[in-house]
PDB file of all heavy atoms in Angstrom:
ATOM      1  N   ASN A   1     -14.493 -42.083  51.604  1.00  0.00           N
ATOM      2  CA  ASN A   1     -13.876 -42.744  50.453  1.00  0.00           C
ATOM      3  C   ASN A   1     -14.276 -44.177  50.334  1.00  0.00           C
ATOM      4  O   ASN A   1     -14.401 -44.725  49.152  1.00  0.00           O
ATOM      5  CB  ASN A   1     -12.335 -42.596  50.512  1.00  0.00           C
ATOM      6  CG  ASN A   1     -11.825 -41.259  50.164  1.00  0.00           C
ATOM      7  OD1 ASN A   1     -12.515 -40.408  49.619  1.00  0.00           O
ATOM      8  ND2 ASN A   1     -10.574 -40.968  50.530  1.00  0.00           N
ATOM      9  N   LYS A   2     -14.500 -44.871  51.431  1.00  0.00           N
ATOM     10  CA  LYS A   2     -14.913 -46.261  51.367  1.00  0.00           C
ATOM     11  C   LYS A   2     -16.410 -46.338  51.255  1.00  0.00           C
ATOM     12  O   LYS A   2     -16.980 -47.494  51.065  1.00  0.00           O
ATOM     13  CB  LYS A   2     -14.497 -46.945  52.710  1.00  0.00           C
ATOM     14  CG  LYS A   2     -12.983 -47.167  52.921  1.00  0.00           C
ATOM     15  CD  LYS A   2     -12.732 -47.855  54.225  1.00  0.00           C
ATOM     16  CE  LYS A   2     -11.297 -48.140  54.414  1.00  0.00           C
ATOM     17  NZ  LYS A   2     -11.019 -48.821  55.715  1.00  0.00           N
ATOM     18  N   ARG A   3     -17.118 -45.201  51.304  1.00  0.00           N
ATOM     19  CA  ARG A   3     -18.577 -45.168  51.175  1.00  0.00           C
ATOM     20  C   ARG A   3     -19.255 -46.005  52.245  1.00  0.00           C
ATOM     21  O   ARG A   3     -20.192 -46.808  52.044  1.00  0.00           O
ATOM     22  CB  ARG A   3     -19.022 -45.658  49.818  1.00  0.00           C
ATOM     23  CG  ARG A   3     -18.466 -44.830  48.569  1.00  0.00           C
ATOM     24  CD  ARG A   3     -18.915 -43.412  48.719  1.00  0.00           C
ATOM     25  NE  ARG A   3     -18.594 -42.688  47.427  1.00  0.00           N
ATOM     26  CZ  ARG A   3     -17.487 -41.860  47.379  1.00  0.00           C
ATOM     27  NH1 ARG A   3     -16.694 -41.665  48.458  1.00  0.00           N
ATOM     28  NH2 ARG A   3     -17.233 -41.247  46.277  1.00  0.00           N
ATOM     29  N   VAL A   4     -18.816 -45.817  53.525  1.00  0.00           N
ATOM     30  CA  VAL A   4     -19.447 -46.454  54.680  1.00  0.00           C
ATOM     31  C   VAL A   4     -19.816 -45.394  55.708  1.00  0.00           C
ATOM     32  O   VAL A   4     -19.354 -44.285  55.682  1.00  0.00           O
ATOM     33  CB  VAL A   4     -18.431 -47.447  55.338  1.00  0.00           C
ATOM     34  CG1 VAL A   4     -18.041 -48.579  54.347  1.00  0.00           C
ATOM     35  CG2 VAL A   4     -17.162 -46.689  55.877  1.00  0.00           C
ATOM     36  N   GLN A   5     -20.802 -45.806  56.557  1.00  0.00           N
ATOM     37  CA  GLN A   5     -21.278 -44.892  57.596  1.00  0.00           C
ATOM     38  C   GLN A   5     -20.318 -44.886  58.744  1.00  0.00           C
ATOM     39  O   GLN A   5     -19.635 -45.831  58.967  1.00  0.00           O
ATOM     40  CB  GLN A   5     -22.672 -45.281  57.999  1.00  0.00           C
ATOM     41  CG  GLN A   5     -23.749 -45.211  56.929  1.00  0.00           C
ATOM     42  CD  GLN A   5     -24.095 -43.723  56.535  1.00  0.00           C
ATOM     43  OE1 GLN A   5     -24.623 -42.945  57.407  1.00  0.00           O
ATOM     44  NE2 GLN A   5     -23.752 -43.434  55.320  1.00  0.00           N
ATOM     45  N   MET A   6     -20.383 -43.807  59.449  1.00  0.00           N
ATOM     46  CA  MET A   6     -19.628 -43.664  60.747  1.00  0.00           C
ATOM     47  C   MET A   6     -20.427 -44.356  61.916  1.00  0.00           C
ATOM     48  O   MET A   6     -21.624 -44.551  61.777  1.00  0.00           O
ATOM     49  CB  MET A   6     -19.386 -42.220  61.093  1.00  0.00           C
ATOM     50  CG  MET A   6     -18.705 -41.456  60.040  1.00  0.00           C
ATOM     51  SD  MET A   6     -16.995 -41.971  59.714  1.00  0.00           S
ATOM     52  CE  MET A   6     -16.247 -41.709  61.339  1.00  0.00           C
ATOM     53  N   GLU A   7     -19.809 -44.586  63.004  1.00  0.00           N
ATOM     54  CA  GLU A   7     -20.444 -45.047  64.175  1.00  0.00           C
ATOM     55  C   GLU A   7     -21.230 -43.840  64.737  1.00  0.00           C
ATOM     56  O   GLU A   7     -20.844 -42.735  64.555  1.00  0.00           O
ATOM     57  CB  GLU A   7     -19.439 -45.568  65.201  1.00  0.00           C
ATOM     58  CG  GLU A   7     -18.750 -46.896  64.755  1.00  0.00           C
ATOM     59  CD  GLU A   7     -17.855 -47.478  65.890  1.00  0.00           C
ATOM     60  OE1 GLU A   7     -17.773 -46.770  66.961  1.00  0.00           O
ATOM     61  OE2 GLU A   7     -17.268 -48.486  65.647  1.00  0.00           O
ATOM     62  N   GLU A   8     -22.238 -44.159  65.495  1.00  0.00           N
ATOM     63  CA  GLU A   8     -23.071 -43.094  66.152  1.00  0.00           C
ATOM     64  C   GLU A   8     -22.237 -42.395  67.193  1.00  0.00           C
ATOM     65  O   GLU A   8     -21.352 -42.934  67.762  1.00  0.00           O
ATOM     66  CB  GLU A   8     -24.283 -43.642  66.809  1.00  0.00           C
ATOM     67  CG  GLU A   8     -25.297 -44.256  65.719  1.00  0.00           C
ATOM     68  CD  GLU A   8     -26.549 -44.803  66.432  1.00  0.00           C
ATOM     69  OE1 GLU A   8     -26.672 -44.782  67.610  1.00  0.00           O
ATOM     70  OE2 GLU A   8     -27.526 -45.263  65.653  1.00  0.00           O
ATOM     71  N   GLY A   9     -22.579 -41.150  67.478  1.00  0.00           N
ATOM     72  CA  GLY A   9     -21.963 -40.385  68.563  1.00  0.00           C
ATOM     73  C   GLY A   9     -20.706 -39.608  68.178  1.00  0.00           C
ATOM     74  O   GLY A   9     -20.004 -39.143  69.042  1.00  0.00           O
ATOM     75  N   ASN A  10     -20.468 -39.499  66.896  1.00  0.00           N
ATOM     76  CA  ASN A  10     -19.197 -38.762  66.387  1.00  0.00           C
ATOM     77  C   ASN A  10     -19.449 -37.572  65.592  1.00  0.00           C
ATOM     78  O   ASN A  10     -18.613 -36.656  65.669  1.00  0.00           O
ATOM     79  CB  ASN A  10     -18.378 -39.776  65.551  1.00  0.00           C
ATOM     80  CG  ASN A  10     -17.750 -40.858  66.293  1.00  0.00           C
ATOM     81  OD1 ASN A  10     -17.097 -40.596  67.284  1.00  0.00           O
ATOM     82  ND2 ASN A  10     -17.967 -42.143  65.862  1.00  0.00           N
ATOM     83  N   LEU A  11     -20.594 -37.442  64.931  1.00  0.00           N
ATOM     84  CA  LEU A  11     -20.839 -36.325  63.971  1.00  0.00           C
ATOM     85  C   LEU A  11     -22.145 -35.619  64.247  1.00  0.00           C
ATOM     86  O   LEU A  11     -23.081 -36.223  64.763  1.00  0.00           O
ATOM     87  CB  LEU A  11     -20.906 -36.914  62.601  1.00  0.00           C
ATOM     88  CG  LEU A  11     -19.586 -37.490  61.990  1.00  0.00           C
ATOM     89  CD1 LEU A  11     -19.976 -38.164  60.651  1.00  0.00           C
ATOM     90  CD2 LEU A  11     -18.562 -36.481  61.862  1.00  0.00           C
ATOM     91  N   LEU A  12     -22.141 -34.346  63.858  1.00  0.00           N
ATOM     92  CA  LEU A  12     -23.421 -33.535  63.802  1.00  0.00           C
ATOM     93  C   LEU A  12     -23.619 -33.072  62.422  1.00  0.00           C
ATOM     94  O   LEU A  12     -22.587 -32.782  61.663  1.00  0.00           O
ATOM     95  CB  LEU A  12     -23.289 -32.278  64.723  1.00  0.00           C
ATOM     96  CG  LEU A  12     -23.072 -32.530  66.276  1.00  0.00           C
ATOM     97  CD1 LEU A  12     -22.885 -31.118  66.935  1.00  0.00           C
ATOM     98  CD2 LEU A  12     -24.209 -33.322  66.854  1.00  0.00           C
ATOM     99  N   ASP A  13     -24.906 -33.034  62.009  1.00  0.00           N
ATOM    100  CA  ASP A  13     -25.178 -32.574  60.616  1.00  0.00           C
ATOM    101  C   ASP A  13     -25.190 -30.996  60.673  1.00  0.00           C
ATOM    102  O   ASP A  13     -24.944 -30.369  61.761  1.00  0.00           O
ATOM    103  CB  ASP A  13     -26.446 -33.132  60.033  1.00  0.00           C
ATOM    104  CG  ASP A  13     -27.766 -32.629  60.804  1.00  0.00           C
ATOM    105  OD1 ASP A  13     -27.614 -31.644  61.543  1.00  0.00           O
ATOM    106  OD2 ASP A  13     -28.773 -33.260  60.556  1.00  0.00           O
ATOM    107  N   PRO A  14     -25.305 -30.328  59.497  1.00  0.00           N
ATOM    108  CA  PRO A  14     -25.343 -28.910  59.471  1.00  0.00           C
ATOM    109  C   PRO A  14     -26.366 -28.160  60.423  1.00  0.00           C
ATOM    110  O   PRO A  14     -26.207 -27.025  60.798  1.00  0.00           O
ATOM    111  CB  PRO A  14     -25.621 -28.501  58.002  1.00  0.00           C
ATOM    112  CG  PRO A  14     -25.164 -29.724  57.295  1.00  0.00           C
ATOM    113  CD  PRO A  14     -25.508 -30.862  58.183  1.00  0.00           C
ATOM    114  N   GLU A  15     -27.370 -28.966  60.769  1.00  0.00           N
ATOM    115  CA  GLU A  15     -28.381 -28.302  61.754  1.00  0.00           C
ATOM    116  C   GLU A  15     -28.154 -28.708  63.221  1.00  0.00           C
ATOM    117  O   GLU A  15     -28.886 -28.417  64.096  1.00  0.00           O
ATOM    118  CB  GLU A  15     -29.780 -28.924  61.379  1.00  0.00           C
ATOM    119  CG  GLU A  15     -30.436 -28.231  60.123  1.00  0.00           C
ATOM    120  CD  GLU A  15     -29.684 -28.693  58.823  1.00  0.00           C
ATOM    121  OE1 GLU A  15     -29.470 -29.916  58.662  1.00  0.00           O
ATOM    122  OE2 GLU A  15     -29.331 -27.854  58.003  1.00  0.00           O
ATOM    123  N   GLY A  16     -26.907 -29.302  63.377  1.00  0.00           N
ATOM    124  CA  GLY A  16     -26.544 -29.633  64.820  1.00  0.00           C
ATOM    125  C   GLY A  16     -27.126 -30.971  65.302  1.00  0.00           C
ATOM    126  O   GLY A  16     -27.163 -31.212  66.516  1.00  0.00           O
ATOM    127  N   ARG A  17     -27.686 -31.787  64.438  1.00  0.00           N
ATOM    128  CA  ARG A  17     -28.398 -32.991  64.840  1.00  0.00           C
ATOM    129  C   ARG A  17     -27.356 -34.214  64.631  1.00  0.00           C
ATOM    130  O   ARG A  17     -26.522 -34.184  63.724  1.00  0.00           O
ATOM    131  CB  ARG A  17     -29.552 -33.307  63.961  1.00  0.00           C
ATOM    132  CG  ARG A  17     -30.624 -32.183  64.132  1.00  0.00           C
ATOM    133  CD  ARG A  17     -31.763 -32.403  63.166  1.00  0.00           C
ATOM    134  NE  ARG A  17     -31.306 -32.402  61.819  1.00  0.00           N
ATOM    135  CZ  ARG A  17     -32.057 -32.187  60.744  1.00  0.00           C
ATOM    136  NH1 ARG A  17     -33.330 -31.987  60.974  1.00  0.00           N
ATOM    137  NH2 ARG A  17     -31.587 -32.243  59.530  1.00  0.00           N
ATOM    138  N   PRO A  18     -27.367 -35.140  65.548  1.00  0.00           N
ATOM    139  CA  PRO A  18     -26.548 -36.363  65.389  1.00  0.00           C
ATOM    140  C   PRO A  18     -26.713 -37.099  64.024  1.00  0.00           C
ATOM    141  O   PRO A  18     -27.865 -37.144  63.531  1.00  0.00           O
ATOM    142  CB  PRO A  18     -26.950 -37.270  66.559  1.00  0.00           C
ATOM    143  CG  PRO A  18     -27.522 -36.342  67.528  1.00  0.00           C
ATOM    144  CD  PRO A  18     -28.220 -35.280  66.726  1.00  0.00           C
ATOM    145  N   THR A  19     -25.649 -37.549  63.456  1.00  0.00           N
ATOM    146  CA  THR A  19     -25.683 -38.242  62.171  1.00  0.00           C
ATOM    147  C   THR A  19     -24.563 -39.183  62.081  1.00  0.00           C
ATOM    148  O   THR A  19     -23.530 -39.125  62.815  1.00  0.00           O
ATOM    149  CB  THR A  19     -25.652 -37.248  60.966  1.00  0.00           C
ATOM    150  OG1 THR A  19     -25.780 -37.953  59.755  1.00  0.00           O
ATOM    151  CG2 THR A  19     -24.275 -36.467  60.936  1.00  0.00           C
ATOM    152  N   THR A  20     -24.694 -40.150  61.244  1.00  0.00           N
ATOM    153  CA  THR A  20     -23.600 -41.123  60.927  1.00  0.00           C
ATOM    154  C   THR A  20     -23.061 -40.970  59.529  1.00  0.00           C
ATOM    155  O   THR A  20     -22.264 -41.781  59.022  1.00  0.00           O
ATOM    156  CB  THR A  20     -24.107 -42.584  61.067  1.00  0.00           C
ATOM    157  OG1 THR A  20     -25.197 -42.832  60.115  1.00  0.00           O
ATOM    158  CG2 THR A  20     -24.573 -42.827  62.496  1.00  0.00           C
ATOM    159  N   ASP A  21     -23.548 -39.919  58.767  1.00  0.00           N
ATOM    160  CA  ASP A  21     -23.126 -39.765  57.367  1.00  0.00           C
ATOM    161  C   ASP A  21     -21.874 -38.910  57.328  1.00  0.00           C
ATOM    162  O   ASP A  21     -21.786 -37.732  57.571  1.00  0.00           O
ATOM    163  CB  ASP A  21     -24.282 -39.005  56.738  1.00  0.00           C
ATOM    164  CG  ASP A  21     -24.013 -38.729  55.222  1.00  0.00           C
ATOM    165  OD1 ASP A  21     -23.068 -39.260  54.674  1.00  0.00           O
ATOM    166  OD2 ASP A  21     -24.646 -37.874  54.649  1.00  0.00           O
ATOM    167  N   PRO A  22     -20.733 -39.591  56.763  1.00  0.00           N
ATOM    168  CA  PRO A  22     -19.475 -38.800  56.592  1.00  0.00           C
ATOM    169  C   PRO A  22     -19.619 -37.702  55.540  1.00  0.00           C
ATOM    170  O   PRO A  22     -18.738 -36.865  55.459  1.00  0.00           O
ATOM    171  CB  PRO A  22     -18.468 -39.908  56.204  1.00  0.00           C
ATOM    172  CG  PRO A  22     -19.307 -40.996  55.576  1.00  0.00           C
ATOM    173  CD  PRO A  22     -20.619 -40.952  56.301  1.00  0.00           C
ATOM    174  N   GLY A  23     -20.706 -37.758  54.727  1.00  0.00           N
ATOM    175  CA  GLY A  23     -20.917 -36.792  53.709  1.00  0.00           C
ATOM    176  C   GLY A  23     -21.200 -35.368  54.293  1.00  0.00           C
ATOM    177  O   GLY A  23     -21.166 -34.401  53.504  1.00  0.00           O
ATOM    178  N   VAL A  24     -21.382 -35.272  55.640  1.00  0.00           N
ATOM    179  CA  VAL A  24     -21.588 -33.949  56.140  1.00  0.00           C
ATOM    180  C   VAL A  24     -20.198 -33.196  56.362  1.00  0.00           C
ATOM    181  O   VAL A  24     -20.164 -32.006  56.635  1.00  0.00           O
ATOM    182  CB  VAL A  24     -22.335 -33.964  57.554  1.00  0.00           C
ATOM    183  CG1 VAL A  24     -23.665 -34.620  57.373  1.00  0.00           C
ATOM    184  CG2 VAL A  24     -21.505 -34.697  58.592  1.00  0.00           C
ATOM    185  N   MET A  25     -19.123 -33.970  56.180  1.00  0.00           N
ATOM    186  CA  MET A  25     -17.768 -33.410  56.333  1.00  0.00           C
ATOM    187  C   MET A  25     -16.976 -33.422  54.942  1.00  0.00           C
ATOM    188  O   MET A  25     -16.052 -32.625  54.789  1.00  0.00           O
ATOM    189  CB  MET A  25     -16.978 -34.144  57.383  1.00  0.00           C
ATOM    190  CG  MET A  25     -17.708 -34.321  58.761  1.00  0.00           C
ATOM    191  SD  MET A  25     -18.006 -32.752  59.506  1.00  0.00           S
ATOM    192  CE  MET A  25     -16.458 -32.261  60.082  1.00  0.00           C
ATOM    193  N   PHE A  26     -17.415 -34.345  54.066  1.00  0.00           N
ATOM    194  CA  PHE A  26     -16.703 -34.529  52.789  1.00  0.00           C
ATOM    195  C   PHE A  26     -17.746 -34.739  51.690  1.00  0.00           C
ATOM    196  O   PHE A  26     -18.741 -35.341  51.926  1.00  0.00           O
ATOM    197  CB  PHE A  26     -15.723 -35.704  52.873  1.00  0.00           C
ATOM    198  CG  PHE A  26     -14.487 -35.487  53.623  1.00  0.00           C
ATOM    199  CD1 PHE A  26     -14.490 -35.910  54.986  1.00  0.00           C
ATOM    200  CD2 PHE A  26     -13.410 -34.872  53.124  1.00  0.00           C
ATOM    201  CE1 PHE A  26     -13.313 -35.684  55.764  1.00  0.00           C
ATOM    202  CE2 PHE A  26     -12.263 -34.658  53.855  1.00  0.00           C
ATOM    203  CZ  PHE A  26     -12.224 -35.132  55.194  1.00  0.00           C
ATOM    204  N   PRO A  27     -17.493 -34.176  50.531  1.00  0.00           N
ATOM    205  CA  PRO A  27     -16.388 -33.398  50.102  1.00  0.00           C
ATOM    206  C   PRO A  27     -16.321 -31.979  50.571  1.00  0.00           C
ATOM    207  O   PRO A  27     -15.320 -31.274  50.507  1.00  0.00           O
ATOM    208  CB  PRO A  27     -16.439 -33.479  48.529  1.00  0.00           C
ATOM    209  CG  PRO A  27     -17.939 -33.500  48.284  1.00  0.00           C
ATOM    210  CD  PRO A  27     -18.454 -34.389  49.336  1.00  0.00           C
ATOM    211  N   GLU A  28     -17.516 -31.550  51.018  1.00  0.00           N
ATOM    212  CA  GLU A  28     -17.548 -30.176  51.626  1.00  0.00           C
ATOM    213  C   GLU A  28     -17.870 -30.201  53.141  1.00  0.00           C
ATOM    214  O   GLU A  28     -18.732 -30.996  53.585  1.00  0.00           O
ATOM    215  CB  GLU A  28     -18.722 -29.341  50.913  1.00  0.00           C
ATOM    216  CG  GLU A  28     -18.818 -27.916  51.437  1.00  0.00           C
ATOM    217  CD  GLU A  28     -20.043 -27.196  50.805  1.00  0.00           C
ATOM    218  OE1 GLU A  28     -20.613 -27.787  49.871  1.00  0.00           O
ATOM    219  OE2 GLU A  28     -20.316 -26.112  51.185  1.00  0.00           O
ATOM    220  N   LEU A  29     -17.061 -29.396  53.876  1.00  0.00           N
ATOM    221  CA  LEU A  29     -17.179 -29.389  55.333  1.00  0.00           C
ATOM    222  C   LEU A  29     -18.414 -28.566  55.700  1.00  0.00           C
ATOM    223  O   LEU A  29     -18.435 -27.376  55.657  1.00  0.00           O
ATOM    224  CB  LEU A  29     -15.926 -28.863  55.955  1.00  0.00           C
ATOM    225  CG  LEU A  29     -15.612 -29.194  57.375  1.00  0.00           C
ATOM    226  CD1 LEU A  29     -14.172 -28.821  57.754  1.00  0.00           C
ATOM    227  CD2 LEU A  29     -16.509 -28.504  58.404  1.00  0.00           C
ATOM    228  N   ARG A  30     -19.492 -29.349  56.144  1.00  0.00           N
ATOM    229  CA  ARG A  30     -20.817 -28.668  56.509  1.00  0.00           C
ATOM    230  C   ARG A  30     -21.200 -28.945  57.924  1.00  0.00           C
ATOM    231  O   ARG A  30     -21.816 -28.140  58.575  1.00  0.00           O
ATOM    232  CB  ARG A  30     -21.870 -29.064  55.577  1.00  0.00           C
ATOM    233  CG  ARG A  30     -21.647 -28.722  54.080  1.00  0.00           C
ATOM    234  CD  ARG A  30     -22.767 -29.253  53.209  1.00  0.00           C
ATOM    235  NE  ARG A  30     -22.739 -30.692  53.132  1.00  0.00           N
ATOM    236  CZ  ARG A  30     -23.726 -31.461  53.601  1.00  0.00           C
ATOM    237  NH1 ARG A  30     -24.843 -30.890  54.055  1.00  0.00           N
ATOM    238  NH2 ARG A  30     -23.744 -32.758  53.470  1.00  0.00           N
ATOM    239  N   GLY A  31     -20.922 -30.120  58.420  1.00  0.00           N
ATOM    240  CA  GLY A  31     -21.247 -30.518  59.835  1.00  0.00           C
ATOM    241  C   GLY A  31     -20.182 -30.247  60.817  1.00  0.00           C
ATOM    242  O   GLY A  31     -19.317 -29.361  60.630  1.00  0.00           O
ATOM    243  N   ALA A  32     -20.105 -31.143  61.830  1.00  0.00           N
ATOM    244  CA  ALA A  32     -19.064 -30.986  62.824  1.00  0.00           C
ATOM    245  C   ALA A  32     -18.821 -32.320  63.536  1.00  0.00           C
ATOM    246  O   ALA A  32     -19.682 -33.148  63.666  1.00  0.00           O
ATOM    247  CB  ALA A  32     -19.535 -30.010  63.876  1.00  0.00           C
ATOM    248  N   LEU A  33     -17.564 -32.475  63.903  1.00  0.00           N
ATOM    249  CA  LEU A  33     -17.193 -33.624  64.830  1.00  0.00           C
ATOM    250  C   LEU A  33     -17.496 -33.176  66.232  1.00  0.00           C
ATOM    251  O   LEU A  33     -17.609 -32.010  66.520  1.00  0.00           O
ATOM    252  CB  LEU A  33     -15.640 -33.903  64.620  1.00  0.00           C
ATOM    253  CG  LEU A  33     -15.140 -34.386  63.362  1.00  0.00           C
ATOM    254  CD1 LEU A  33     -13.615 -34.187  63.279  1.00  0.00           C
ATOM    255  CD2 LEU A  33     -15.475 -35.877  63.258  1.00  0.00           C
TER     256      LEU A  33
END
């Protein structure tokens, strides 16, 4: 909602790769914590 990136080491993208983009979880849940 704030349109900011996450810190590294928290998220995976839909291919299982590390990412800092909260867009992999919102508005549609595609990645993983």
